[in-house]
Amino acid sequence: MPQLIFKGVSVEQVKNISTPLVKELAELCECETDNFTFEIVDSIFVFNGEEVPGFPFIEVKWFDRGQTVQDKFAVITTKYIHSLGIPDVEIAFSVFSESDYYLNGKSFA
């Protein structure tokens, strides 16, 4: 169920890396590729009264898989963003508790 929310990265850029990125992340997380959701947020960024390009930022929402997997997840994701010619990217993880996550009214706990 990892959900990746991209800001400051275009739809076309995410399309270009989506297949190999999901494949590598699925292997790391030991889950199927269809467990992943990619969302590209079309945001307008403003600084000093002007529209500016957004800084690449990825939020990952998921169940805790431990620090080692999280670190590897960040390295893999960064590698693919860098492959687009984007030199810097920030990644933040938000962890869901299985008891607080529901599918069709049933808790994952």
PDB file of N, CA and C in Angstrom:
ATOM      1  N   MET A   1       0.773  -1.191   0.000  1.00  0.00           N
ATOM      2  CA  MET A   1       0.000   0.000   0.000  1.00  0.00           C
ATOM      3  C   MET A   1       0.827   1.274   0.000  1.00  0.00           C
ATOM      4  N   PRO A   2       2.116   1.196  -0.262  1.00  0.00           N
ATOM      5  CA  PRO A   2       2.845   2.458  -0.262  1.00  0.00           C
ATOM      6  C   PRO A   2       2.245   3.448  -1.256  1.00  0.00           C
ATOM      7  N   GLN A   3       2.027   4.654  -0.769  1.00  0.00           N
ATOM      8  CA  GLN A   3       1.511   5.739  -1.596  1.00  0.00           C
ATOM      9  C   GLN A   3       2.606   6.783  -1.706  1.00  0.00           C
ATOM     10  N   LEU A   4       2.984   7.124  -2.929  1.00  0.00           N
ATOM     11  CA  LEU A   4       3.987   8.150  -3.151  1.00  0.00           C
ATOM     12  C   LEU A   4       3.302   9.364  -3.743  1.00  0.00           C
ATOM     13  N   ILE A   5       3.462  10.500  -3.099  1.00  0.00           N
ATOM     14  CA  ILE A   5       2.847  11.739  -3.543  1.00  0.00           C
ATOM     15  C   ILE A   5       3.978  12.668  -3.976  1.00  0.00           C
ATOM     16  N   PHE A   6       3.980  13.002  -5.272  1.00  0.00           N
ATOM     17  CA  PHE A   6       5.049  13.793  -5.860  1.00  0.00           C
ATOM     18  C   PHE A   6       4.631  15.250  -5.995  1.00  0.00           C
ATOM     19  N   LYS A   7       5.518  16.144  -5.585  1.00  0.00           N
ATOM     20  CA  LYS A   7       5.341  17.578  -5.803  1.00  0.00           C
ATOM     21  C   LYS A   7       6.614  18.101  -6.446  1.00  0.00           C
ATOM     22  N   GLY A   8       6.472  19.029  -7.378  1.00  0.00           N
ATOM     23  CA  GLY A   8       7.644  19.593  -8.032  1.00  0.00           C
ATOM     24  C   GLY A   8       8.263  18.663  -9.056  1.00  0.00           C
ATOM     25  N   VAL A   9       7.529  17.620  -9.446  1.00  0.00           N
ATOM     26  CA  VAL A   9       7.960  16.666 -10.475  1.00  0.00           C
ATOM     27  C   VAL A   9       6.773  16.526 -11.424  1.00  0.00           C
ATOM     28  N   SER A  10       7.029  16.591 -12.721  1.00  0.00           N
ATOM     29  CA  SER A  10       5.925  16.576 -13.683  1.00  0.00           C
ATOM     30  C   SER A  10       5.347  15.177 -13.883  1.00  0.00           C
ATOM     31  N   VAL A  11       4.145  15.148 -14.418  1.00  0.00           N
ATOM     32  CA  VAL A  11       3.485  13.880 -14.743  1.00  0.00           C
ATOM     33  C   VAL A  11       4.351  13.083 -15.706  1.00  0.00           C
ATOM     34  N   GLU A  12       4.862  13.724 -16.737  1.00  0.00           N
ATOM     35  CA  GLU A  12       5.689  13.014 -17.722  1.00  0.00           C
ATOM     36  C   GLU A  12       6.949  12.445 -17.089  1.00  0.00           C
ATOM     37  N   GLN A  13       7.557  13.194 -16.187  1.00  0.00           N
ATOM     38  CA  GLN A  13       8.760  12.689 -15.516  1.00  0.00           C
ATOM     39  C   GLN A  13       8.441  11.453 -14.687  1.00  0.00           C
ATOM     40  N   VAL A  14       7.339  11.481 -13.960  1.00  0.00           N
ATOM     41  CA  VAL A  14       6.965  10.318 -13.147  1.00  0.00           C
ATOM     42  C   VAL A  14       6.612   9.139 -14.046  1.00  0.00           C
ATOM     43  N   LYS A  15       5.924   9.387 -15.152  1.00  0.00           N
ATOM     44  CA  LYS A  15       5.612   8.300 -16.088  1.00  0.00           C
ATOM     45  C   LYS A  15       6.886   7.619 -16.565  1.00  0.00           C
ATOM     46  N   ASN A  16       7.922   8.406 -16.837  1.00  0.00           N
ATOM     47  CA  ASN A  16       9.176   7.861 -17.371  1.00  0.00           C
ATOM     48  C   ASN A  16       9.875   6.908 -16.408  1.00  0.00           C
ATOM     49  N   ILE A  17       9.705   7.112 -15.113  1.00  0.00           N
ATOM     50  CA  ILE A  17      10.403   6.260 -14.135  1.00  0.00           C
ATOM     51  C   ILE A  17       9.481   5.283 -13.419  1.00  0.00           C
ATOM     52  N   SER A  18       8.175   5.403 -13.642  1.00  0.00           N
ATOM     53  CA  SER A  18       7.215   4.661 -12.815  1.00  0.00           C
ATOM     54  C   SER A  18       7.384   3.138 -12.880  1.00  0.00           C
ATOM     55  N   THR A  19       7.544   2.589 -14.047  1.00  0.00           N
ATOM     56  CA  THR A  19       7.612   1.122 -14.152  1.00  0.00           C
ATOM     57  C   THR A  19       8.844   0.541 -13.465  1.00  0.00           C
ATOM     58  N   PRO A  20      10.057   1.010 -13.802  1.00  0.00           N
ATOM     59  CA  PRO A  20      11.211   0.418 -13.112  1.00  0.00           C
ATOM     60  C   PRO A  20      11.269   0.780 -11.629  1.00  0.00           C
ATOM     61  N   LEU A  21      10.797   1.973 -11.263  1.00  0.00           N
ATOM     62  CA  LEU A  21      10.802   2.371  -9.859  1.00  0.00           C
ATOM     63  C   LEU A  21       9.889   1.469  -9.037  1.00  0.00           C
ATOM     64  N   VAL A  22       8.682   1.251  -9.515  1.00  0.00           N
ATOM     65  CA  VAL A  22       7.745   0.390  -8.781  1.00  0.00           C
ATOM     66  C   VAL A  22       8.288  -1.031  -8.690  1.00  0.00           C
ATOM     67  N   LYS A  23       8.874  -1.511  -9.762  1.00  0.00           N
ATOM     68  CA  LYS A  23       9.408  -2.878  -9.742  1.00  0.00           C
ATOM     69  C   LYS A  23      10.483  -3.024  -8.664  1.00  0.00           C
ATOM     70  N   GLU A  24      11.389  -2.066  -8.603  1.00  0.00           N
ATOM     71  CA  GLU A  24      12.473  -2.146  -7.623  1.00  0.00           C
ATOM     72  C   GLU A  24      11.955  -1.964  -6.190  1.00  0.00           C
ATOM     73  N   LEU A  25      11.006  -1.046  -6.016  1.00  0.00           N
ATOM     74  CA  LEU A  25      10.448  -0.833  -4.680  1.00  0.00           C
ATOM     75  C   LEU A  25       9.625  -2.037  -4.213  1.00  0.00           C
ATOM     76  N   ALA A  26       8.908  -2.666  -5.126  1.00  0.00           N
ATOM     77  CA  ALA A  26       8.117  -3.849  -4.773  1.00  0.00           C
ATOM     78  C   ALA A  26       9.021  -4.992  -4.314  1.00  0.00           C
ATOM     79  N   GLU A  27      10.146  -5.155  -5.000  1.00  0.00           N
ATOM     80  CA  GLU A  27      11.103  -6.187  -4.584  1.00  0.00           C
ATOM     81  C   GLU A  27      11.620  -5.883  -3.180  1.00  0.00           C
ATOM     82  N   LEU A  28      11.945  -4.624  -2.922  1.00  0.00           N
ATOM     83  CA  LEU A  28      12.435  -4.236  -1.599  1.00  0.00           C
ATOM     84  C   LEU A  28      11.387  -4.475  -0.519  1.00  0.00           C
ATOM     85  N   CYS A  29      10.149  -4.102  -0.803  1.00  0.00           N
ATOM     86  CA  CYS A  29       9.071  -4.201   0.182  1.00  0.00           C
ATOM     87  C   CYS A  29       8.429  -5.579   0.243  1.00  0.00           C
ATOM     88  N   GLU A  30       8.848  -6.463  -0.653  1.00  0.00           N
ATOM     89  CA  GLU A  30       8.311  -7.819  -0.730  1.00  0.00           C
ATOM     90  C   GLU A  30       6.794  -7.796  -0.878  1.00  0.00           C
ATOM     91  N   CYS A  31       6.335  -7.010  -1.868  1.00  0.00           N
ATOM     92  CA  CYS A  31       4.905  -6.944  -2.171  1.00  0.00           C
ATOM     93  C   CYS A  31       4.736  -6.839  -3.686  1.00  0.00           C
ATOM     94  N   GLU A  32       3.507  -6.894  -4.122  1.00  0.00           N
ATOM     95  CA  GLU A  32       3.216  -6.818  -5.554  1.00  0.00           C
ATOM     96  C   GLU A  32       3.291  -5.368  -6.042  1.00  0.00           C
ATOM     97  N   THR A  33       3.551  -5.194  -7.315  1.00  0.00           N
ATOM     98  CA  THR A  33       3.644  -3.850  -7.885  1.00  0.00           C
ATOM     99  C   THR A  33       2.310  -3.109  -7.829  1.00  0.00           C
ATOM    100  N   ASP A  34       1.202  -3.844  -7.846  1.00  0.00           N
ATOM    101  CA  ASP A  34      -0.104  -3.170  -7.823  1.00  0.00           C
ATOM    102  C   ASP A  34      -0.480  -2.652  -6.435  1.00  0.00           C
ATOM    103  N   ASN A  35       0.403  -2.837  -5.466  1.00  0.00           N
ATOM    104  CA  ASN A  35       0.175  -2.271  -4.127  1.00  0.00           C
ATOM    105  C   ASN A  35       0.555  -0.789  -4.069  1.00  0.00           C
ATOM    106  N   PHE A  36       1.242  -0.289  -5.068  1.00  0.00           N
ATOM    107  CA  PHE A  36       1.756   1.078  -5.060  1.00  0.00           C
ATOM    108  C   PHE A  36       0.788   2.041  -5.732  1.00  0.00           C
ATOM    109  N   THR A  37       0.723   3.251  -5.178  1.00  0.00           N
ATOM    110  CA  THR A  37      -0.044   4.341  -5.766  1.00  0.00           C
ATOM    111  C   THR A  37       0.890   5.527  -5.937  1.00  0.00           C
ATOM    112  N   PHE A  38       0.905   6.077  -7.143  1.00  0.00           N
ATOM    113  CA  PHE A  38       1.664   7.299  -7.411  1.00  0.00           C
ATOM    114  C   PHE A  38       0.670   8.410  -7.677  1.00  0.00           C
ATOM    115  N   GLU A  39       0.835   9.516  -6.994  1.00  0.00           N
ATOM    116  CA  GLU A  39      -0.008  10.686  -7.207  1.00  0.00           C
ATOM    117  C   GLU A  39       0.910  11.869  -7.488  1.00  0.00           C
ATOM    118  N   ILE A  40       0.606  12.601  -8.548  1.00  0.00           N
ATOM    119  CA  ILE A  40       1.374  13.787  -8.886  1.00  0.00           C
ATOM    120  C   ILE A  40       0.493  14.994  -8.605  1.00  0.00           C
ATOM    121  N   VAL A  41       0.926  15.803  -7.655  1.00  0.00           N
ATOM    122  CA  VAL A  41       0.158  16.974  -7.252  1.00  0.00           C
ATOM    123  C   VAL A  41       0.569  18.146  -8.133  1.00  0.00           C
ATOM    124  N   ASP A  42      -0.411  18.731  -8.806  1.00  0.00           N
ATOM    125  CA  ASP A  42      -0.167  19.893  -9.658  1.00  0.00           C
ATOM    126  C   ASP A  42      -0.300  21.139  -8.795  1.00  0.00           C
ATOM    127  N   SER A  43       0.814  21.605  -8.289  1.00  0.00           N
ATOM    128  CA  SER A  43       0.822  22.730  -7.365  1.00  0.00           C
ATOM    129  C   SER A  43       1.434  23.956  -8.013  1.00  0.00           C
ATOM    130  N   ILE A  44       1.059  25.091  -7.503  1.00  0.00           N
ATOM    131  CA  ILE A  44       1.682  26.345  -7.897  1.00  0.00           C
ATOM    132  C   ILE A  44       2.509  26.799  -6.704  1.00  0.00           C
ATOM    133  N   PHE A  45       3.763  27.061  -6.943  1.00  0.00           N
ATOM    134  CA  PHE A  45       4.674  27.487  -5.892  1.00  0.00           C
ATOM    135  C   PHE A  45       4.945  28.978  -6.043  1.00  0.00           C
ATOM    136  N   VAL A  46       4.959  29.681  -4.936  1.00  0.00           N
ATOM    137  CA  VAL A  46       5.146  31.124  -4.949  1.00  0.00           C
ATOM    138  C   VAL A  46       6.253  31.480  -3.971  1.00  0.00           C
ATOM    139  N   PHE A  47       7.135  32.365  -4.416  1.00  0.00           N
ATOM    140  CA  PHE A  47       8.179  32.903  -3.553  1.00  0.00           C
ATOM    141  C   PHE A  47       8.383  34.364  -3.897  1.00  0.00           C
ATOM    142  N   ASN A  48       8.380  35.199  -2.876  1.00  0.00           N
ATOM    143  CA  ASN A  48       8.655  36.615  -3.062  1.00  0.00           C
ATOM    144  C   ASN A  48       7.742  37.266  -4.098  1.00  0.00           C
ATOM    145  N   GLY A  49       6.458  36.869  -4.070  1.00  0.00           N
ATOM    146  CA  GLY A  49       5.477  37.475  -4.956  1.00  0.00           C
ATOM    147  C   GLY A  49       5.480  36.957  -6.379  1.00  0.00           C
ATOM    148  N   GLU A  50       6.254  35.926  -6.667  1.00  0.00           N
ATOM    149  CA  GLU A  50       6.360  35.378  -8.022  1.00  0.00           C
ATOM    150  C   GLU A  50       6.128  33.874  -8.026  1.00  0.00           C
ATOM    151  N   GLU A  51       5.569  33.358  -9.133  1.00  0.00           N
ATOM    152  CA  GLU A  51       5.492  31.908  -9.305  1.00  0.00           C
ATOM    153  C   GLU A  51       6.884  31.387  -9.601  1.00  0.00           C
ATOM    154  N   VAL A  52       7.236  30.303  -8.942  1.00  0.00           N
ATOM    155  CA  VAL A  52       8.558  29.707  -9.104  1.00  0.00           C
ATOM    156  C   VAL A  52       8.411  28.201  -9.299  1.00  0.00           C
ATOM    157  N   PRO A  53       9.417  27.567  -9.891  1.00  0.00           N
ATOM    158  CA  PRO A  53       9.358  26.103  -9.993  1.00  0.00           C
ATOM    159  C   PRO A  53       9.347  25.490  -8.595  1.00  0.00           C
ATOM    160  N   GLY A  54       8.627  24.407  -8.451  1.00  0.00           N
ATOM    161  CA  GLY A  54       8.547  23.731  -7.158  1.00  0.00           C
ATOM    162  C   GLY A  54       9.777  22.901  -6.883  1.00  0.00           C
ATOM    163  N   PHE A  55      10.152  22.839  -5.616  1.00  0.00           N
ATOM    164  CA  PHE A  55      11.258  21.972  -5.218  1.00  0.00           C
ATOM    165  C   PHE A  55      10.737  20.542  -5.162  1.00  0.00           C
ATOM    166  N   PRO A  56      11.429  19.606  -5.763  1.00  0.00           N
ATOM    167  CA  PRO A  56      10.972  18.207  -5.751  1.00  0.00           C
ATOM    168  C   PRO A  56      10.853  17.654  -4.334  1.00  0.00           C
ATOM    169  N   PHE A  57       9.650  17.189  -4.028  1.00  0.00           N
ATOM    170  CA  PHE A  57       9.348  16.656  -2.711  1.00  0.00           C
ATOM    171  C   PHE A  57       8.443  15.446  -2.888  1.00  0.00           C
ATOM    172  N   ILE A  58       8.784  14.359  -2.223  1.00  0.00           N
ATOM    173  CA  ILE A  58       7.985  13.134  -2.299  1.00  0.00           C
ATOM    174  C   ILE A  58       7.598  12.733  -0.885  1.00  0.00           C
ATOM    175  N   GLU A  59       6.297  12.561  -0.686  1.00  0.00           N
ATOM    176  CA  GLU A  59       5.810  12.048   0.592  1.00  0.00           C
ATOM    177  C   GLU A  59       5.437  10.587   0.388  1.00  0.00           C
ATOM    178  N   VAL A  60       5.929   9.749   1.249  1.00  0.00           N
ATOM    179  CA  VAL A  60       5.632   8.315   1.197  1.00  0.00           C
ATOM    180  C   VAL A  60       4.748   7.990   2.395  1.00  0.00           C
ATOM    181  N   LYS A  61       3.561   7.476   2.108  1.00  0.00           N
ATOM    182  CA  LYS A  61       2.648   7.033   3.165  1.00  0.00           C
ATOM    183  C   LYS A  61       2.611   5.510   3.106  1.00  0.00           C
ATOM    184  N   TRP A  62       2.876   4.882   4.247  1.00  0.00           N
ATOM    185  CA  TRP A  62       2.969   3.422   4.243  1.00  0.00           C
ATOM    186  C   TRP A  62       2.913   2.861   5.651  1.00  0.00           C
ATOM    187  N   PHE A  63       2.927   1.514   5.745  1.00  0.00           N
ATOM    188  CA  PHE A  63       3.081   0.829   7.014  1.00  0.00           C
ATOM    189  C   PHE A  63       4.584   0.725   7.298  1.00  0.00           C
ATOM    190  N   ASP A  64       4.956   0.836   8.543  1.00  0.00           N
ATOM    191  CA  ASP A  64       6.360   0.775   8.936  1.00  0.00           C
ATOM    192  C   ASP A  64       6.986  -0.537   8.482  1.00  0.00           C
ATOM    193  N   ARG A  65       8.126  -0.431   7.835  1.00  0.00           N
ATOM    194  CA  ARG A  65       8.866  -1.613   7.392  1.00  0.00           C
ATOM    195  C   ARG A  65      10.272  -1.641   7.989  1.00  0.00           C
ATOM    196  N   GLY A  66      10.500  -0.796   8.970  1.00  0.00           N
ATOM    197  CA  GLY A  66      11.804  -0.750   9.626  1.00  0.00           C
ATOM    198  C   GLY A  66      12.723   0.269   8.957  1.00  0.00           C
ATOM    199  N   GLN A  67      13.723   0.712   9.730  1.00  0.00           N
ATOM    200  CA  GLN A  67      14.617   1.767   9.263  1.00  0.00           C
ATOM    201  C   GLN A  67      15.450   1.345   8.063  1.00  0.00           C
ATOM    202  N   THR A  68      15.907   0.099   8.036  1.00  0.00           N
ATOM    203  CA  THR A  68      16.749  -0.356   6.932  1.00  0.00           C
ATOM    204  C   THR A  68      16.000  -0.306   5.609  1.00  0.00           C
ATOM    205  N   VAL A  69      14.766  -0.813   5.585  1.00  0.00           N
ATOM    206  CA  VAL A  69      13.962  -0.781   4.362  1.00  0.00           C
ATOM    207  C   VAL A  69      13.633   0.667   3.992  1.00  0.00           C
ATOM    208  N   GLN A  70      13.309   1.474   4.984  1.00  0.00           N
ATOM    209  CA  GLN A  70      12.988   2.877   4.702  1.00  0.00           C
ATOM    210  C   GLN A  70      14.189   3.591   4.077  1.00  0.00           C
ATOM    211  N   ASP A  71      15.374   3.363   4.615  1.00  0.00           N
ATOM    212  CA  ASP A  71      16.582   3.979   4.061  1.00  0.00           C
ATOM    213  C   ASP A  71      16.815   3.542   2.621  1.00  0.00           C
ATOM    214  N   LYS A  72      16.659   2.248   2.359  1.00  0.00           N
ATOM    215  CA  LYS A  72      16.848   1.732   0.992  1.00  0.00           C
ATOM    216  C   LYS A  72      15.782   2.290   0.058  1.00  0.00           C
ATOM    217  N   PHE A  73      14.543   2.410   0.533  1.00  0.00           N
ATOM    218  CA  PHE A  73      13.438   2.970  -0.247  1.00  0.00           C
ATOM    219  C   PHE A  73      13.786   4.394  -0.676  1.00  0.00           C
ATOM    220  N   ALA A  74      14.318   5.178   0.255  1.00  0.00           N
ATOM    221  CA  ALA A  74      14.700   6.558  -0.047  1.00  0.00           C
ATOM    222  C   ALA A  74      15.839   6.611  -1.061  1.00  0.00           C
ATOM    223  N   VAL A  75      16.815   5.735  -0.923  1.00  0.00           N
ATOM    224  CA  VAL A  75      17.948   5.709  -1.856  1.00  0.00           C
ATOM    225  C   VAL A  75      17.476   5.328  -3.265  1.00  0.00           C
ATOM    226  N   ILE A  76      16.636   4.318  -3.366  1.00  0.00           N
ATOM    227  CA  ILE A  76      16.121   3.883  -4.669  1.00  0.00           C
ATOM    228  C   ILE A  76      15.313   5.002  -5.321  1.00  0.00           C
ATOM    229  N   THR A  77      14.417   5.608  -4.566  1.00  0.00           N
ATOM    230  CA  THR A  77      13.574   6.673  -5.113  1.00  0.00           C
ATOM    231  C   THR A  77      14.426   7.857  -5.550  1.00  0.00           C
ATOM    232  N   THR A  78      15.395   8.222  -4.748  1.00  0.00           N
ATOM    233  CA  THR A  78      16.300   9.323  -5.091  1.00  0.00           C
ATOM    234  C   THR A  78      17.052   9.019  -6.379  1.00  0.00           C
ATOM    235  N   LYS A  79      17.507   7.793  -6.540  1.00  0.00           N
ATOM    236  CA  LYS A  79      18.243   7.395  -7.744  1.00  0.00           C
ATOM    237  C   LYS A  79      17.408   7.657  -8.996  1.00  0.00           C
ATOM    238  N   TYR A  80      16.133   7.306  -8.956  1.00  0.00           N
ATOM    239  CA  TYR A  80      15.276   7.506 -10.126  1.00  0.00           C
ATOM    240  C   TYR A  80      14.970   8.980 -10.377  1.00  0.00           C
ATOM    241  N   ILE A  81      14.807   9.758  -9.326  1.00  0.00           N
ATOM    242  CA  ILE A  81      14.596  11.196  -9.502  1.00  0.00           C
ATOM    243  C   ILE A  81      15.852  11.832 -10.092  1.00  0.00           C
ATOM    244  N   HIS A  82      17.017  11.439  -9.612  1.00  0.00           N
ATOM    245  CA  HIS A  82      18.274  11.950 -10.162  1.00  0.00           C
ATOM    246  C   HIS A  82      18.426  11.569 -11.635  1.00  0.00           C
ATOM    247  N   SER A  83      17.917  10.399 -12.010  1.00  0.00           N
ATOM    248  CA  SER A  83      18.028   9.958 -13.409  1.00  0.00           C
ATOM    249  C   SER A  83      17.259  10.868 -14.362  1.00  0.00           C
ATOM    250  N   LEU A  84      16.352  11.667 -13.816  1.00  0.00           N
ATOM    251  CA  LEU A  84      15.587  12.621 -14.623  1.00  0.00           C
ATOM    252  C   LEU A  84      16.336  13.938 -14.802  1.00  0.00           C
ATOM    253  N   GLY A  85      17.525  14.030 -14.238  1.00  0.00           N
ATOM    254  CA  GLY A  85      18.289  15.263 -14.297  1.00  0.00           C
ATOM    255  C   GLY A  85      17.924  16.235 -13.186  1.00  0.00           C
ATOM    256  N   ILE A  86      17.188  15.761 -12.204  1.00  0.00           N
ATOM    257  CA  ILE A  86      16.814  16.583 -11.056  1.00  0.00           C
ATOM    258  C   ILE A  86      17.879  16.348  -9.985  1.00  0.00           C
ATOM    259  N   PRO A  87      18.640  17.395  -9.613  1.00  0.00           N
ATOM    260  CA  PRO A  87      19.782  17.176  -8.721  1.00  0.00           C
ATOM    261  C   PRO A  87      19.434  16.992  -7.246  1.00  0.00           C
ATOM    262  N   ASP A  88      18.305  17.538  -6.804  1.00  0.00           N
ATOM    263  CA  ASP A  88      17.957  17.465  -5.386  1.00  0.00           C
ATOM    264  C   ASP A  88      16.500  17.049  -5.222  1.00  0.00           C
ATOM    265  N   VAL A  89      16.223  16.274  -4.191  1.00  0.00           N
ATOM    266  CA  VAL A  89      14.857  15.857  -3.878  1.00  0.00           C
ATOM    267  C   VAL A  89      14.771  15.576  -2.385  1.00  0.00           C
ATOM    268  N   GLU A  90      13.656  15.959  -1.788  1.00  0.00           N
ATOM    269  CA  GLU A  90      13.401  15.625  -0.395  1.00  0.00           C
ATOM    270  C   GLU A  90      12.323  14.550  -0.348  1.00  0.00           C
ATOM    271  N   ILE A  91      12.478  13.612   0.590  1.00  0.00           N
ATOM    272  CA  ILE A  91      11.521  12.522   0.761  1.00  0.00           C
ATOM    273  C   ILE A  91      11.164  12.458   2.248  1.00  0.00           C
ATOM    274  N   ALA A  92       9.864  12.392   2.538  1.00  0.00           N
ATOM    275  CA  ALA A  92       9.402  12.280   3.918  1.00  0.00           C
ATOM    276  C   ALA A  92       8.455  11.096   4.019  1.00  0.00           C
ATOM    277  N   PHE A  93       8.560  10.368   5.111  1.00  0.00           N
ATOM    278  CA  PHE A  93       7.737   9.190   5.329  1.00  0.00           C
ATOM    279  C   PHE A  93       6.692   9.473   6.398  1.00  0.00           C
ATOM    280  N   SER A  94       5.457   9.085   6.109  1.00  0.00           N
ATOM    281  CA  SER A  94       4.364   9.114   7.075  1.00  0.00           C
ATOM    282  C   SER A  94       3.931   7.674   7.282  1.00  0.00           C
ATOM    283  N   VAL A  95       3.914   7.245   8.529  1.00  0.00           N
ATOM    284  CA  VAL A  95       3.642   5.844   8.836  1.00  0.00           C
ATOM    285  C   VAL A  95       2.210   5.686   9.342  1.00  0.00           C
ATOM    286  N   PHE A  96       1.498   4.740   8.729  1.00  0.00           N
ATOM    287  CA  PHE A  96       0.157   4.381   9.165  1.00  0.00           C
ATOM    288  C   PHE A  96       0.246   3.211  10.142  1.00  0.00           C
ATOM    289  N   SER A  97      -0.546   3.249  11.174  1.00  0.00           N
ATOM    290  CA  SER A  97      -0.708   2.114  12.065  1.00  0.00           C
ATOM    291  C   SER A  97      -1.750   1.188  11.428  1.00  0.00           C
ATOM    292  N   GLU A  98      -1.482  -0.098  11.416  1.00  0.00           N
ATOM    293  CA  GLU A  98      -2.426  -1.035  10.804  1.00  0.00           C
ATOM    294  C   GLU A  98      -3.796  -0.976  11.463  1.00  0.00           C
ATOM    295  N   SER A  99      -3.843  -0.672  12.761  1.00  0.00           N
ATOM    296  CA  SER A  99      -5.135  -0.587  13.447  1.00  0.00           C
ATOM    297  C   SER A  99      -5.921   0.663  13.043  1.00  0.00           C
ATOM    298  N   ASP A 100      -5.252   1.631  12.435  1.00  0.00           N
ATOM    299  CA  ASP A 100      -5.907   2.870  12.004  1.00  0.00           C
ATOM    300  C   ASP A 100      -6.186   2.899  10.505  1.00  0.00           C
ATOM    301  N   TYR A 101      -5.917   1.811   9.805  1.00  0.00           N
ATOM    302  CA  TYR A 101      -6.078   1.757   8.352  1.00  0.00           C
ATOM    303  C   TYR A 101      -7.141   0.715   8.016  1.00  0.00           C
ATOM    304  N   TYR A 102      -8.106   1.102   7.214  1.00  0.00           N
ATOM    305  CA  TYR A 102      -9.249   0.245   6.911  1.00  0.00           C
ATOM    306  C   TYR A 102      -9.419   0.046   5.417  1.00  0.00           C
ATOM    307  N   LEU A 103      -9.867  -1.115   5.037  1.00  0.00           N
ATOM    308  CA  LEU A 103     -10.270  -1.431   3.668  1.00  0.00           C
ATOM    309  C   LEU A 103     -11.702  -1.956   3.747  1.00  0.00           C
ATOM    310  N   ASN A 104     -12.601  -1.254   3.106  1.00  0.00           N
ATOM    311  CA  ASN A 104     -14.021  -1.640   3.127  1.00  0.00           C
ATOM    312  C   ASN A 104     -14.555  -1.855   4.538  1.00  0.00           C
ATOM    313  N   GLY A 105     -14.147  -0.966   5.443  1.00  0.00           N
ATOM    314  CA  GLY A 105     -14.660  -0.996   6.806  1.00  0.00           C
ATOM    315  C   GLY A 105     -13.971  -1.985   7.726  1.00  0.00           C
ATOM    316  N   LYS A 106     -12.924  -2.681   7.236  1.00  0.00           N
ATOM    317  CA  LYS A 106     -12.228  -3.672   8.058  1.00  0.00           C
ATOM    318  C   LYS A 106     -10.809  -3.214   8.309  1.00  0.00           C
ATOM    319  N   SER A 107     -10.426  -3.212   9.576  1.00  0.00           N
ATOM    320  CA  SER A 107      -9.097  -2.792   9.972  1.00  0.00           C
ATOM    321  C   SER A 107      -8.051  -3.786   9.459  1.00  0.00           C
ATOM    322  N   PHE A 108      -6.876  -3.272   9.166  1.00  0.00           N
ATOM    323  CA  PHE A 108      -5.767  -4.116   8.740  1.00  0.00           C
ATOM    324  C   PHE A 108      -5.130  -4.830   9.942  1.00  0.00           C
ATOM    325  N   ALA A 109      -5.515  -4.438  11.158  1.00  0.00           N
ATOM    326  CA  ALA A 109      -4.912  -5.040  12.358  1.00  0.00           C
ATOM    327  C   ALA A 109      -5.394  -6.475  12.547  1.00  0.00           C
TER     328      ALA A 109
END
